[in-house]
Amino acid sequence: MSAGMTPHEYAARQILPNLRGLLAWRLRGRGLGQYGIAKLLGVSQPMVHRYLSKDQGYYYTRLLAEVGDEDILDDAVDRAVRLLEAGAEDALWLLVNELTLKSRFCRGREEQCRAVLCPAGSDLHMEVYRAVLEELLSTPCLESVVPEVGSNLAYSPAPRLPRGRIIALNGRILRGSQGVIAAGAPEPGGSRHTAGALEALSRLNQRLRWAVALKLSRPVEEALDRLAIPRVTLEAPSGGGLPPDSTLAAAVEEPAPGREGVVYLAASSAGELLEAVRRISGLACRGEDS
């Protein structure tokens, strides 16, 4: 099954989903609900539900077949649980790389794998971004909340980064005949508007690290109200109405002549953002909480 794959493709298809599935079970065993697990794993709540629909032995067996050593696997999983509970969600990707380097796929070609899978920080952050973007694009009814001019996804690898260091698409997320697609590639400074909104919001709350642009419409505003997501106006952002410990916030860019109104939804984690977008899209598309 791994023939013809690159190390990154192998890690994304064979290691990451099985590790997430196993971690979902371990975190559930530590008392976390599906929503909390989704926040830590950087996926949506329905994805966690799908992970938990299979027995944890399924994921352990598949990972062990790739890694081949119970001690290595158990140690990596234990460290992943501790790091996730401590809020170091990006560390999960380092452990994915570590397990891939020790897998049967890389056995006998360690140097070639290491050159790819021990990336500089910026490369690792790009991996995180691409995985979250893929999950975002699979959100049901996402097209109902994408602005006419398109959307974007922005990620700040560290708190309060300037716009030029925030990762985003150098194109846009667009509505198409077959659903929603991403045009362009991720890069630091790839977005002016969405990254700028994230930069402004992170000044008010340094926990905010992810943002996505949604169209300003009555259904979206009603969804924000229903989910009790605090809002500020992008033209004059201030701390008023934005709790400093909030994990979700929105900045509203009002419509103007020749400019569509936009809501920039920001979150402290990828999982939090994906879950909020899923719920807002569901409310906007079907008029009910999904």
Protein backbone atom coordinates (compact mmCIF):
# COMPACT_ATOMS: atom_id res chain seq x y z
CA MET A 1 0.00 0.00 0.00
CA SER A 2 2.91 2.35 0.64
CA ALA A 3 4.55 1.76 -2.74
CA GLY A 4 4.99 4.97 -4.67
CA MET A 5 4.17 7.22 -1.70
CA THR A 6 6.35 10.07 -0.53
CA PRO A 7 7.27 10.12 3.19
CA HIS A 8 4.74 12.90 3.76
CA GLU A 9 1.98 10.96 1.99
CA TYR A 10 2.80 7.86 3.99
CA ALA A 11 2.72 9.83 7.25
CA ALA A 12 -0.59 11.45 6.34
CA ARG A 13 -2.30 8.21 5.24
CA GLN A 14 -0.84 5.53 7.48
CA ILE A 15 0.41 7.18 10.66
CA LEU A 16 -1.63 10.32 11.36
CA PRO A 17 -5.21 8.95 11.12
CA ASN A 18 -4.40 5.85 13.16
CA LEU A 19 -2.55 7.89 15.77
CA ARG A 20 -5.47 10.30 16.01
CA GLY A 21 -7.89 7.39 16.37
CA LEU A 22 -5.85 5.86 19.17
CA LEU A 23 -5.43 9.21 20.89
CA ALA A 24 -9.18 9.85 20.67
CA TRP A 25 -9.74 6.70 22.69
CA ARG A 26 -6.98 7.51 25.20
CA LEU A 27 -8.32 11.03 25.73
CA ARG A 28 -11.85 9.69 26.10
CA GLY A 29 -10.53 7.37 28.79
CA ARG A 30 -9.22 10.44 30.63
CA GLY A 31 -12.70 11.93 30.79
CA LEU A 32 -12.77 14.21 27.75
CA GLY A 33 -15.90 14.49 25.65
CA GLN A 34 -15.92 14.42 21.86
CA TYR A 35 -15.88 18.22 21.60
CA GLY A 36 -12.85 18.51 23.88
CA ILE A 37 -11.04 15.73 22.01
CA ALA A 38 -11.73 17.48 18.70
CA LYS A 39 -10.16 20.69 19.99
CA LEU A 40 -6.98 18.87 21.02
CA LEU A 41 -6.64 16.74 17.88
CA GLY A 42 -7.36 19.61 15.49
CA VAL A 43 -10.34 17.91 13.85
CA SER A 44 -14.12 18.32 13.93
CA GLN A 45 -16.42 16.60 16.41
CA PRO A 46 -17.95 14.35 13.70
CA MET A 47 -14.44 13.17 12.85
CA VAL A 48 -13.88 12.23 16.50
CA HIS A 49 -17.19 10.35 16.42
CA ARG A 50 -15.94 8.41 13.40
CA TYR A 51 -12.67 7.62 15.17
CA LEU A 52 -14.55 6.29 18.19
CA SER A 53 -16.81 4.16 16.00
CA LYS A 54 -13.90 1.72 15.66
CA ASP A 55 -12.33 -0.10 18.59
CA GLN A 56 -9.04 1.35 19.83
CA GLY A 57 -7.41 -2.01 19.17
CA TYR A 58 -8.02 -1.40 15.49
CA TYR A 59 -5.79 1.69 15.53
CA TYR A 60 -3.17 0.15 17.80
CA THR A 61 -2.82 -2.93 15.59
CA ARG A 62 -2.46 -0.83 12.44
CA LEU A 63 0.14 1.46 14.01
CA LEU A 64 2.08 -1.44 15.44
CA ALA A 65 2.19 -3.05 11.98
CA GLU A 66 3.87 0.10 10.70
CA VAL A 67 6.21 0.81 13.63
CA GLY A 68 6.92 -2.79 14.67
CA ASP A 69 7.87 -2.03 18.29
CA GLU A 70 5.36 -1.85 21.16
CA ASP A 71 7.71 0.12 23.43
CA ILE A 72 8.31 2.81 20.81
CA LEU A 73 4.61 3.06 20.02
CA ASP A 74 3.47 3.11 23.67
CA ASP A 75 6.03 5.78 24.55
CA ALA A 76 4.97 7.99 21.62
CA VAL A 77 1.27 7.68 22.48
CA ASP A 78 1.88 8.44 26.17
CA ARG A 79 3.91 11.53 25.26
CA ALA A 80 1.26 12.64 22.78
CA VAL A 81 -1.47 12.46 25.43
CA ARG A 82 0.62 14.50 27.89
CA LEU A 83 1.54 17.11 25.28
CA LEU A 84 -2.03 17.49 24.04
CA GLU A 85 -3.37 17.88 27.56
CA ALA A 86 -0.73 20.55 28.13
CA GLY A 87 -1.99 22.45 25.09
CA ALA A 88 0.95 21.67 22.79
CA GLU A 89 -1.19 20.54 19.85
CA ASP A 90 1.54 21.23 17.29
CA ALA A 91 3.73 18.64 19.04
CA LEU A 92 1.46 15.93 17.63
CA TRP A 93 3.06 16.52 14.23
CA LEU A 94 6.55 16.02 15.60
CA LEU A 95 5.44 12.64 16.97
CA VAL A 96 3.89 11.72 13.62
CA ASN A 97 7.25 12.42 12.01
CA GLU A 98 9.05 10.47 14.72
CA LEU A 99 6.89 7.37 14.23
CA THR A 100 7.23 7.64 10.47
CA LEU A 101 11.02 7.74 10.74
CA LYS A 102 10.88 4.53 12.81
CA SER A 103 8.37 2.81 10.52
CA ARG A 104 8.84 0.03 8.00
CA PHE A 105 8.39 2.63 5.26
CA CYS A 106 11.59 4.45 6.23
CA ARG A 107 13.57 1.39 7.26
CA GLY A 108 16.61 1.16 5.02
CA ARG A 109 16.23 4.72 3.75
CA GLU A 110 16.47 6.68 6.98
CA GLU A 111 18.56 9.50 5.52
CA GLN A 112 16.12 10.17 2.70
CA CYS A 113 13.18 10.17 5.12
CA ARG A 114 14.98 12.32 7.66
CA ALA A 115 15.68 14.97 5.07
CA VAL A 116 11.93 15.31 4.52
CA LEU A 117 10.42 14.47 7.89
CA CYS A 118 12.68 16.51 10.16
CA PRO A 119 11.70 19.85 8.66
CA ALA A 120 12.44 23.32 9.83
CA GLY A 121 9.68 24.87 11.88
CA SER A 122 8.11 26.61 8.89
CA ASP A 123 7.81 23.31 6.99
CA LEU A 124 6.19 21.62 9.96
CA HIS A 125 3.68 24.45 10.26
CA MET A 126 2.84 24.04 6.57
CA GLU A 127 2.00 20.38 7.25
CA VAL A 128 -0.32 21.44 10.06
CA TYR A 129 -1.95 24.06 7.83
CA ARG A 130 -2.57 21.69 4.91
CA ALA A 131 -4.20 19.08 7.13
CA VAL A 132 -6.54 21.63 8.71
CA LEU A 133 -7.38 23.13 5.30
CA GLU A 134 -8.33 19.68 3.99
CA GLU A 135 -10.62 19.13 6.97
CA LEU A 136 -12.14 22.59 6.55
CA LEU A 137 -12.96 22.00 2.88
CA SER A 138 -14.86 18.82 3.80
CA THR A 139 -17.26 20.74 6.08
CA PRO A 140 -20.88 20.07 5.05
CA CYS A 141 -22.65 23.18 3.72
CA LEU A 142 -19.45 25.23 3.79
CA GLU A 143 -20.47 26.81 0.48
CA SER A 144 -23.37 28.50 2.29
CA VAL A 145 -20.98 30.68 4.31
CA VAL A 146 -18.19 31.35 1.80
CA PRO A 147 -18.22 35.00 0.64
CA GLU A 148 -18.85 35.78 -3.02
CA VAL A 149 -15.24 36.99 -3.32
CA GLY A 150 -13.95 33.82 -1.67
CA SER A 151 -12.61 32.90 1.74
CA ASN A 152 -9.21 32.14 3.25
CA LEU A 153 -7.75 30.23 6.19
CA ALA A 154 -5.03 31.85 8.28
CA TYR A 155 -2.73 30.26 10.87
CA SER A 156 -0.35 31.99 13.24
CA PRO A 157 2.29 29.41 14.35
CA ALA A 158 3.11 31.57 17.38
CA PRO A 159 1.08 34.13 19.34
CA ARG A 160 0.72 37.66 18.01
CA LEU A 161 2.71 37.28 14.83
CA PRO A 162 2.66 40.12 12.28
CA ARG A 163 0.60 39.58 9.17
CA GLY A 164 3.64 38.80 7.01
CA ARG A 165 4.45 35.72 9.12
CA ILE A 166 0.91 34.35 9.29
CA ILE A 167 0.36 31.37 6.97
CA ALA A 168 -2.55 31.59 4.53
CA LEU A 169 -3.41 30.74 0.94
CA ASN A 170 -1.90 33.01 -1.68
CA GLY A 171 -5.17 32.38 -3.52
CA ARG A 172 -8.64 31.86 -2.10
CA ILE A 173 -11.20 29.30 -0.99
CA LEU A 174 -13.87 29.44 -3.68
CA ARG A 175 -17.32 28.07 -4.33
CA GLY A 176 -17.43 25.87 -7.42
CA SER A 177 -19.87 23.62 -9.23
CA GLN A 178 -18.59 20.62 -7.26
CA GLY A 179 -18.51 22.32 -3.86
CA VAL A 180 -15.72 24.32 -2.26
CA ILE A 181 -12.14 24.28 -3.52
CA ALA A 182 -8.86 25.89 -2.51
CA ALA A 183 -7.03 27.88 -5.17
CA GLY A 184 -3.40 28.74 -4.53
CA ALA A 185 -0.84 27.48 -2.03
CA PRO A 186 -0.14 28.25 1.63
CA GLU A 187 2.70 30.61 2.44
CA PRO A 188 3.62 33.16 5.11
CA GLY A 189 2.06 36.46 4.15
CA GLY A 190 -0.27 34.72 1.70
CA SER A 191 -3.29 36.73 2.80
CA ARG A 192 -3.81 40.41 3.47
CA HIS A 193 -7.38 40.47 4.77
CA THR A 194 -7.83 37.24 6.76
CA ALA A 195 -4.30 37.35 8.17
CA GLY A 196 -4.77 41.03 8.99
CA ALA A 197 -7.97 40.25 10.90
CA LEU A 198 -6.20 37.47 12.81
CA GLU A 199 -3.34 39.84 13.62
CA ALA A 200 -5.80 42.43 14.97
CA LEU A 201 -7.76 39.89 17.03
CA SER A 202 -4.61 38.30 18.45
CA ARG A 203 -3.61 41.70 19.84
CA LEU A 204 -6.77 41.55 21.93
CA ASN A 205 -6.38 37.89 22.79
CA GLN A 206 -3.03 36.20 22.17
CA ARG A 207 -4.64 32.74 22.37
CA LEU A 208 -6.25 33.23 18.95
CA ARG A 209 -4.14 31.43 16.33
CA TRP A 210 -6.52 30.43 13.52
CA ALA A 211 -9.00 32.42 11.43
CA VAL A 212 -11.32 31.92 8.48
CA ALA A 213 -13.35 34.40 6.44
CA LEU A 214 -17.14 33.88 6.33
CA LYS A 215 -19.72 35.94 4.52
CA LEU A 216 -21.59 38.54 6.56
CA SER A 217 -25.23 37.43 6.39
CA ARG A 218 -28.18 37.25 8.72
CA PRO A 219 -27.90 33.43 9.10
CA VAL A 220 -24.20 33.71 9.98
CA GLU A 221 -24.83 36.51 12.48
CA GLU A 222 -27.68 34.54 14.05
CA ALA A 223 -25.38 31.52 14.30
CA LEU A 224 -22.71 33.63 16.02
CA ASP A 225 -25.33 34.84 18.49
CA ARG A 226 -26.61 31.33 19.11
CA LEU A 227 -23.09 30.08 19.78
CA ALA A 228 -22.36 33.14 21.98
CA ILE A 229 -19.22 34.02 20.00
CA PRO A 230 -18.06 37.54 20.98
CA ARG A 231 -17.63 40.07 18.18
CA VAL A 232 -15.72 43.26 17.49
CA THR A 233 -15.80 45.58 14.48
CA LEU A 234 -12.70 45.23 12.34
CA GLU A 235 -12.65 48.92 11.43
CA ALA A 236 -12.31 49.84 15.11
CA PRO A 237 -11.29 46.76 17.10
CA SER A 238 -11.14 47.10 20.85
CA GLY A 239 -11.10 44.85 23.85
CA GLY A 240 -14.68 45.72 24.74
CA GLY A 241 -16.91 42.68 24.30
CA LEU A 242 -13.98 40.33 23.70
CA PRO A 243 -13.15 38.34 26.85
CA PRO A 244 -9.36 37.93 27.19
CA ASP A 245 -9.74 34.20 27.86
CA SER A 246 -12.15 33.49 25.00
CA THR A 247 -11.19 30.65 22.66
CA LEU A 248 -13.47 31.95 19.89
CA ALA A 249 -14.02 35.47 18.56
CA ALA A 250 -15.18 37.22 15.42
CA ALA A 251 -14.29 40.48 13.71
CA VAL A 252 -16.92 42.03 11.44
CA GLU A 253 -15.96 43.98 8.34
CA GLU A 254 -19.06 45.93 7.37
CA PRO A 255 -20.07 46.16 3.71
CA ALA A 256 -19.11 49.28 1.77
CA PRO A 257 -19.53 50.43 -1.83
CA GLY A 258 -17.83 47.79 -3.95
CA ARG A 259 -16.98 45.67 -0.90
CA GLU A 260 -18.83 42.66 0.50
CA GLY A 261 -19.34 42.34 4.23
CA VAL A 262 -17.20 39.65 5.87
CA VAL A 263 -16.97 37.97 9.28
CA TYR A 264 -13.52 36.77 10.32
CA LEU A 265 -13.96 33.90 12.75
CA ALA A 266 -10.90 33.25 14.95
CA ALA A 267 -10.11 30.40 17.36
CA SER A 268 -7.36 29.30 19.71
CA SER A 269 -7.04 25.85 18.11
CA ALA A 270 -7.72 24.19 14.78
CA GLY A 271 -10.24 21.83 16.36
CA GLU A 272 -12.14 24.74 17.91
CA LEU A 273 -12.26 26.57 14.58
CA LEU A 274 -13.38 23.51 12.60
CA GLU A 275 -16.15 22.73 15.07
CA ALA A 276 -17.40 26.33 15.07
CA VAL A 277 -17.40 26.47 11.25
CA ARG A 278 -19.26 23.16 11.12
CA ARG A 279 -21.97 24.44 13.44
CA ILE A 280 -22.25 27.84 11.76
CA SER A 281 -22.43 26.23 8.31
CA GLY A 282 -25.11 23.84 9.52
CA LEU A 283 -27.18 26.62 11.06
CA ALA A 284 -26.81 28.82 7.99
CA CYS A 285 -27.57 26.02 5.53
CA ARG A 286 -30.36 24.16 7.30
CA GLY A 287 -31.57 26.54 9.96
CA GLU A 288 -30.85 24.07 12.72
CA ASP A 289 -28.01 23.10 15.01
CA SER A 290 -26.14 20.23 13.41
